Amino acid sequence: MADTLAQLGVELGRDEQPAQMWLGRVEGSDGYVVLTDARLLFVKGLRRGNGASGPQQNSLSELVGVEVLSRRRKQILVIDWGRSGTMSIDSLSPKGLRQLRSALLARIDASGTPEK
């Protein structure tokens, strides 16, 4: 997975380990949702040219809450990053949504942060 992340322009920290990756949509853009042991990232499609922006990312230490909303028969994962705002991810497969939600809730439980 490290090679794929490098192709997407994601540089892992020295001791950072990739965990999982899913296809999803954030703010109307399709891309890759990447979970590491330290961060959650969203990378819009494949990077093209010098004008491509880097990934949207948040440290898991900022994670405050996770909830699943249903809108028009579509499930949306809403992640609360506290001061950094929220991130809404849709178009995840049902299995991917369950996996990501579970991983983030486990992180909240481990850190002792109360779930919203």
N, C-alpha and C. Protein backbone atom coordinates (compact mmCIF):
# COMPACT_ATOMS: atom_id res chain seq x y z
N MET A 1 0.82 -1.19 0.00
CA MET A 1 0.00 0.00 0.00
C MET A 1 0.87 1.26 0.00
N ALA A 2 2.06 1.20 0.57
CA ALA A 2 2.93 2.38 0.64
C ALA A 2 3.25 2.91 -0.76
N ASP A 3 3.44 2.02 -1.74
CA ASP A 3 3.72 2.47 -3.11
C ASP A 3 2.53 3.19 -3.71
N THR A 4 1.33 2.66 -3.47
CA THR A 4 0.11 3.30 -3.96
C THR A 4 -0.05 4.68 -3.34
N LEU A 5 0.20 4.79 -2.04
CA LEU A 5 0.09 6.08 -1.37
C LEU A 5 1.10 7.08 -1.93
N ALA A 6 2.30 6.63 -2.22
CA ALA A 6 3.31 7.51 -2.80
C ALA A 6 2.85 8.02 -4.17
N GLN A 7 2.23 7.17 -4.97
CA GLN A 7 1.71 7.58 -6.28
C GLN A 7 0.60 8.62 -6.13
N LEU A 8 -0.13 8.55 -5.01
CA LEU A 8 -1.20 9.51 -4.75
C LEU A 8 -0.70 10.79 -4.12
N GLY A 9 0.61 10.84 -3.83
CA GLY A 9 1.18 12.05 -3.23
C GLY A 9 1.12 12.08 -1.72
N VAL A 10 0.88 10.93 -1.10
CA VAL A 10 0.80 10.84 0.36
C VAL A 10 2.16 10.40 0.89
N GLU A 11 2.73 11.24 1.73
CA GLU A 11 3.99 10.89 2.37
C GLU A 11 3.69 10.47 3.81
N LEU A 12 4.09 9.28 4.14
CA LEU A 12 3.89 8.79 5.50
C LEU A 12 4.97 9.31 6.41
N GLY A 13 4.60 9.55 7.67
CA GLY A 13 5.58 9.95 8.68
C GLY A 13 6.54 8.79 8.94
N ARG A 14 7.61 9.10 9.62
CA ARG A 14 8.67 8.12 9.85
C ARG A 14 8.17 6.81 10.45
N ASP A 15 7.33 6.89 11.47
CA ASP A 15 6.81 5.69 12.12
C ASP A 15 5.35 5.42 11.79
N GLU A 16 4.80 6.15 10.83
CA GLU A 16 3.39 6.03 10.49
C GLU A 16 3.14 4.78 9.63
N GLN A 17 2.09 4.06 9.98
CA GLN A 17 1.75 2.84 9.26
C GLN A 17 0.39 2.99 8.57
N PRO A 18 0.31 2.64 7.27
CA PRO A 18 -0.99 2.67 6.60
C PRO A 18 -1.87 1.56 7.14
N ALA A 19 -3.16 1.81 7.22
CA ALA A 19 -4.08 0.80 7.74
C ALA A 19 -5.02 0.31 6.64
N GLN A 20 -5.85 1.22 6.10
CA GLN A 20 -6.80 0.82 5.07
C GLN A 20 -7.05 1.97 4.11
N MET A 21 -7.63 1.61 2.94
CA MET A 21 -7.95 2.61 1.93
C MET A 21 -9.26 2.22 1.26
N TRP A 22 -10.11 3.23 1.00
CA TRP A 22 -11.40 3.02 0.36
C TRP A 22 -11.62 4.09 -0.70
N LEU A 23 -12.51 3.80 -1.64
CA LEU A 23 -12.98 4.82 -2.57
C LEU A 23 -14.16 5.52 -1.92
N GLY A 24 -14.22 6.84 -2.05
CA GLY A 24 -15.31 7.59 -1.47
C GLY A 24 -15.44 8.95 -2.11
N ARG A 25 -16.34 9.76 -1.57
CA ARG A 25 -16.57 11.11 -2.11
C ARG A 25 -16.65 12.09 -0.94
N VAL A 26 -15.91 13.19 -1.06
CA VAL A 26 -15.92 14.27 -0.07
C VAL A 26 -16.17 15.57 -0.83
N GLU A 27 -17.15 16.33 -0.38
CA GLU A 27 -17.49 17.61 -1.00
C GLU A 27 -17.64 17.50 -2.52
N GLY A 28 -18.30 16.43 -2.97
CA GLY A 28 -18.58 16.24 -4.39
C GLY A 28 -17.43 15.74 -5.22
N SER A 29 -16.28 15.48 -4.62
CA SER A 29 -15.12 14.97 -5.36
C SER A 29 -14.86 13.51 -5.02
N ASP A 30 -14.68 12.71 -6.04
CA ASP A 30 -14.33 11.31 -5.84
C ASP A 30 -12.85 11.19 -5.54
N GLY A 31 -12.50 10.22 -4.73
CA GLY A 31 -11.10 10.02 -4.41
C GLY A 31 -10.90 8.85 -3.47
N TYR A 32 -9.78 8.87 -2.80
CA TYR A 32 -9.39 7.80 -1.90
C TYR A 32 -9.41 8.28 -0.46
N VAL A 33 -10.07 7.52 0.39
CA VAL A 33 -10.07 7.76 1.82
C VAL A 33 -9.01 6.83 2.40
N VAL A 34 -8.02 7.41 3.06
CA VAL A 34 -6.88 6.63 3.55
C VAL A 34 -6.80 6.79 5.07
N LEU A 35 -6.75 5.67 5.75
CA LEU A 35 -6.60 5.66 7.20
C LEU A 35 -5.23 5.10 7.54
N THR A 36 -4.48 5.86 8.33
CA THR A 36 -3.22 5.36 8.86
C THR A 36 -3.37 5.26 10.37
N ASP A 37 -2.32 4.89 11.06
CA ASP A 37 -2.42 4.83 12.51
C ASP A 37 -2.38 6.21 13.14
N ALA A 38 -2.15 7.26 12.33
CA ALA A 38 -2.05 8.62 12.86
C ALA A 38 -2.99 9.63 12.21
N ARG A 39 -3.44 9.35 10.97
CA ARG A 39 -4.22 10.34 10.22
C ARG A 39 -5.33 9.69 9.40
N LEU A 40 -6.30 10.54 9.05
CA LEU A 40 -7.28 10.20 8.03
C LEU A 40 -7.07 11.20 6.91
N LEU A 41 -6.93 10.69 5.69
CA LEU A 41 -6.67 11.55 4.54
C LEU A 41 -7.70 11.31 3.46
N PHE A 42 -7.96 12.35 2.67
CA PHE A 42 -8.77 12.22 1.47
C PHE A 42 -7.95 12.76 0.32
N VAL A 43 -7.74 11.92 -0.69
CA VAL A 43 -6.94 12.29 -1.85
C VAL A 43 -7.86 12.29 -3.06
N LYS A 44 -8.01 13.45 -3.69
CA LYS A 44 -8.86 13.55 -4.87
C LYS A 44 -8.21 12.83 -6.04
N GLY A 45 -8.85 11.77 -6.52
CA GLY A 45 -8.39 11.05 -7.70
C GLY A 45 -6.90 10.87 -7.75
N LEU A 46 -6.37 10.79 -8.93
CA LEU A 46 -4.92 10.71 -9.10
C LEU A 46 -4.36 12.11 -9.27
N ARG A 47 -3.19 12.33 -8.73
CA ARG A 47 -2.54 13.64 -8.86
C ARG A 47 -2.11 13.83 -10.30
N ARG A 48 -2.42 15.00 -10.82
CA ARG A 48 -2.06 15.29 -12.22
C ARG A 48 -1.35 16.63 -12.27
N GLY A 49 -0.16 16.62 -12.79
CA GLY A 49 0.57 17.87 -13.01
C GLY A 49 0.97 18.58 -11.73
N ASN A 50 1.61 19.72 -11.88
CA ASN A 50 2.11 20.49 -10.74
C ASN A 50 1.02 21.23 -10.00
N GLY A 51 -0.14 21.45 -10.63
CA GLY A 51 -1.20 22.21 -9.99
C GLY A 51 -2.08 21.39 -9.06
N ALA A 52 -1.85 20.09 -8.99
CA ALA A 52 -2.69 19.24 -8.14
C ALA A 52 -2.48 19.57 -6.67
N SER A 53 -3.58 19.63 -5.94
CA SER A 53 -3.46 19.94 -4.52
C SER A 53 -3.13 18.67 -3.74
N GLY A 54 -2.55 18.85 -2.59
CA GLY A 54 -2.23 17.71 -1.74
C GLY A 54 -3.48 17.16 -1.08
N PRO A 55 -3.32 16.10 -0.33
CA PRO A 55 -4.48 15.49 0.31
C PRO A 55 -5.06 16.34 1.43
N GLN A 56 -6.36 16.21 1.63
CA GLN A 56 -7.02 16.79 2.80
C GLN A 56 -6.74 15.81 3.93
N GLN A 57 -6.27 16.30 5.07
CA GLN A 57 -5.90 15.37 6.13
C GLN A 57 -6.19 15.93 7.51
N ASN A 58 -6.44 15.01 8.43
CA ASN A 58 -6.65 15.36 9.83
C ASN A 58 -5.92 14.34 10.69
N SER A 59 -5.35 14.81 11.77
CA SER A 59 -4.73 13.93 12.74
C SER A 59 -5.81 13.23 13.54
N LEU A 60 -5.63 11.94 13.78
CA LEU A 60 -6.61 11.20 14.56
C LEU A 60 -6.68 11.71 16.00
N SER A 61 -5.66 12.43 16.44
CA SER A 61 -5.71 13.01 17.79
C SER A 61 -6.77 14.12 17.90
N GLU A 62 -7.22 14.66 16.75
CA GLU A 62 -8.24 15.70 16.73
C GLU A 62 -9.66 15.13 16.67
N LEU A 63 -9.78 13.81 16.50
CA LEU A 63 -11.07 13.16 16.32
C LEU A 63 -11.96 13.31 17.55
N VAL A 64 -13.17 13.83 17.34
CA VAL A 64 -14.11 14.06 18.44
C VAL A 64 -15.30 13.11 18.36
N GLY A 65 -15.83 12.88 17.15
CA GLY A 65 -17.02 12.04 17.02
C GLY A 65 -17.23 11.55 15.62
N VAL A 66 -18.06 10.50 15.50
CA VAL A 66 -18.38 9.88 14.22
C VAL A 66 -19.85 9.49 14.25
N GLU A 67 -20.58 9.80 13.19
CA GLU A 67 -21.96 9.35 13.09
C GLU A 67 -22.31 9.06 11.64
N VAL A 68 -23.30 8.20 11.47
CA VAL A 68 -23.78 7.85 10.14
C VAL A 68 -25.15 8.49 9.96
N LEU A 69 -25.30 9.26 8.89
CA LEU A 69 -26.58 9.88 8.55
C LEU A 69 -27.12 9.22 7.29
N SER A 70 -28.42 9.15 7.16
CA SER A 70 -29.05 8.62 5.96
C SER A 70 -29.77 9.75 5.26
N ARG A 71 -29.46 9.92 4.00
CA ARG A 71 -30.13 10.93 3.16
C ARG A 71 -30.46 10.30 1.82
N ARG A 72 -31.72 10.29 1.50
CA ARG A 72 -32.18 9.74 0.21
C ARG A 72 -31.61 8.35 -0.04
N ARG A 73 -31.79 7.48 0.91
CA ARG A 73 -31.31 6.09 0.84
C ARG A 73 -29.80 5.97 0.69
N LYS A 74 -29.09 7.05 1.00
CA LYS A 74 -27.63 7.04 0.92
C LYS A 74 -27.09 7.26 2.33
N GLN A 75 -26.08 6.50 2.69
CA GLN A 75 -25.48 6.66 4.01
C GLN A 75 -24.23 7.54 3.90
N ILE A 76 -24.13 8.49 4.83
CA ILE A 76 -23.03 9.44 4.85
C ILE A 76 -22.34 9.34 6.20
N LEU A 77 -21.03 9.20 6.18
CA LEU A 77 -20.25 9.16 7.41
C LEU A 77 -19.80 10.58 7.71
N VAL A 78 -20.21 11.11 8.86
CA VAL A 78 -19.84 12.47 9.25
C VAL A 78 -18.85 12.36 10.40
N ILE A 79 -17.69 12.96 10.20
CA ILE A 79 -16.60 12.89 11.17
C ILE A 79 -16.39 14.28 11.76
N ASP A 80 -16.44 14.37 13.08
CA ASP A 80 -16.26 15.63 13.79
C ASP A 80 -14.80 15.74 14.23
N TRP A 81 -14.12 16.78 13.73
CA TRP A 81 -12.72 17.02 14.07
C TRP A 81 -12.56 18.14 15.07
N GLY A 82 -13.62 18.48 15.79
CA GLY A 82 -13.53 19.54 16.79
C GLY A 82 -13.31 20.89 16.13
N ARG A 83 -12.26 21.57 16.50
CA ARG A 83 -11.96 22.91 15.96
C ARG A 83 -11.75 22.92 14.46
N SER A 84 -11.35 21.79 13.90
CA SER A 84 -11.08 21.72 12.46
C SER A 84 -12.35 21.52 11.64
N GLY A 85 -13.50 21.37 12.29
CA GLY A 85 -14.75 21.22 11.56
C GLY A 85 -15.14 19.77 11.35
N THR A 86 -15.96 19.53 10.34
CA THR A 86 -16.42 18.18 10.05
C THR A 86 -16.02 17.77 8.65
N MET A 87 -16.03 16.48 8.42
CA MET A 87 -15.80 15.91 7.10
C MET A 87 -16.93 14.93 6.85
N SER A 88 -17.61 15.07 5.71
CA SER A 88 -18.68 14.14 5.34
C SER A 88 -18.19 13.28 4.18
N ILE A 89 -18.27 11.98 4.36
CA ILE A 89 -17.81 11.04 3.32
C ILE A 89 -19.01 10.23 2.88
N ASP A 90 -19.28 10.24 1.57
CA ASP A 90 -20.34 9.39 1.04
C ASP A 90 -19.77 8.54 -0.09
N SER A 91 -20.61 7.73 -0.67
CA SER A 91 -20.24 6.81 -1.74
C SER A 91 -19.26 5.73 -1.30
N LEU A 92 -19.12 5.52 0.02
CA LEU A 92 -18.37 4.37 0.50
C LEU A 92 -19.24 3.13 0.31
N SER A 93 -18.62 2.00 0.07
CA SER A 93 -19.39 0.76 0.04
C SER A 93 -19.93 0.52 1.45
N PRO A 94 -21.02 -0.24 1.58
CA PRO A 94 -21.52 -0.53 2.93
C PRO A 94 -20.45 -1.14 3.83
N LYS A 95 -19.66 -2.05 3.27
CA LYS A 95 -18.59 -2.67 4.05
C LYS A 95 -17.53 -1.64 4.43
N GLY A 96 -17.15 -0.79 3.49
CA GLY A 96 -16.16 0.25 3.76
C GLY A 96 -16.63 1.23 4.82
N LEU A 97 -17.92 1.60 4.76
CA LEU A 97 -18.48 2.50 5.76
C LEU A 97 -18.40 1.88 7.16
N ARG A 98 -18.78 0.59 7.25
CA ARG A 98 -18.71 -0.10 8.55
C ARG A 98 -17.27 -0.19 9.05
N GLN A 99 -16.34 -0.51 8.16
CA GLN A 99 -14.93 -0.64 8.56
C GLN A 99 -14.37 0.68 9.05
N LEU A 100 -14.60 1.75 8.29
CA LEU A 100 -14.05 3.05 8.67
C LEU A 100 -14.70 3.56 9.96
N ARG A 101 -16.00 3.45 10.06
CA ARG A 101 -16.70 3.87 11.28
C ARG A 101 -16.16 3.11 12.49
N SER A 102 -16.04 1.81 12.37
CA SER A 102 -15.53 0.99 13.48
C SER A 102 -14.11 1.38 13.88
N ALA A 103 -13.26 1.60 12.88
CA ALA A 103 -11.88 1.98 13.17
C ALA A 103 -11.81 3.33 13.88
N LEU A 104 -12.64 4.28 13.43
CA LEU A 104 -12.62 5.60 14.06
C LEU A 104 -13.22 5.55 15.47
N LEU A 105 -14.30 4.79 15.65
CA LEU A 105 -14.87 4.65 16.99
C LEU A 105 -13.89 3.97 17.95
N ALA A 106 -13.15 3.00 17.45
CA ALA A 106 -12.13 2.34 18.28
C ALA A 106 -11.07 3.34 18.70
N ARG A 107 -10.72 4.25 17.80
CA ARG A 107 -9.74 5.29 18.13
C ARG A 107 -10.29 6.22 19.22
N ILE A 108 -11.57 6.58 19.11
CA ILE A 108 -12.19 7.43 20.13
C ILE A 108 -12.19 6.70 21.48
N ASP A 109 -12.57 5.43 21.46
CA ASP A 109 -12.60 4.64 22.70
C ASP A 109 -11.22 4.55 23.33
N ALA A 110 -10.20 4.35 22.50
CA ALA A 110 -8.83 4.21 23.00
C ALA A 110 -8.30 5.51 23.58
N SER A 111 -8.74 6.63 23.00
CA SER A 111 -8.21 7.92 23.47
C SER A 111 -9.02 8.48 24.65
N GLY A 112 -10.18 7.90 24.89
CA GLY A 112 -11.00 8.38 26.00
C GLY A 112 -11.80 9.61 25.65
N THR A 113 -11.83 10.01 24.36
CA THR A 113 -12.61 11.16 23.92
C THR A 113 -14.07 10.76 23.87
N PRO A 114 -14.97 11.51 24.48
CA PRO A 114 -16.38 11.15 24.43
C PRO A 114 -16.93 11.28 23.02
N GLU A 115 -17.72 10.28 22.60
CA GLU A 115 -18.33 10.32 21.26
C GLU A 115 -19.45 11.32 21.25
N LYS A 116 -19.56 12.06 20.15
CA LYS A 116 -20.65 13.00 19.98
C LYS A 116 -21.85 12.30 19.42
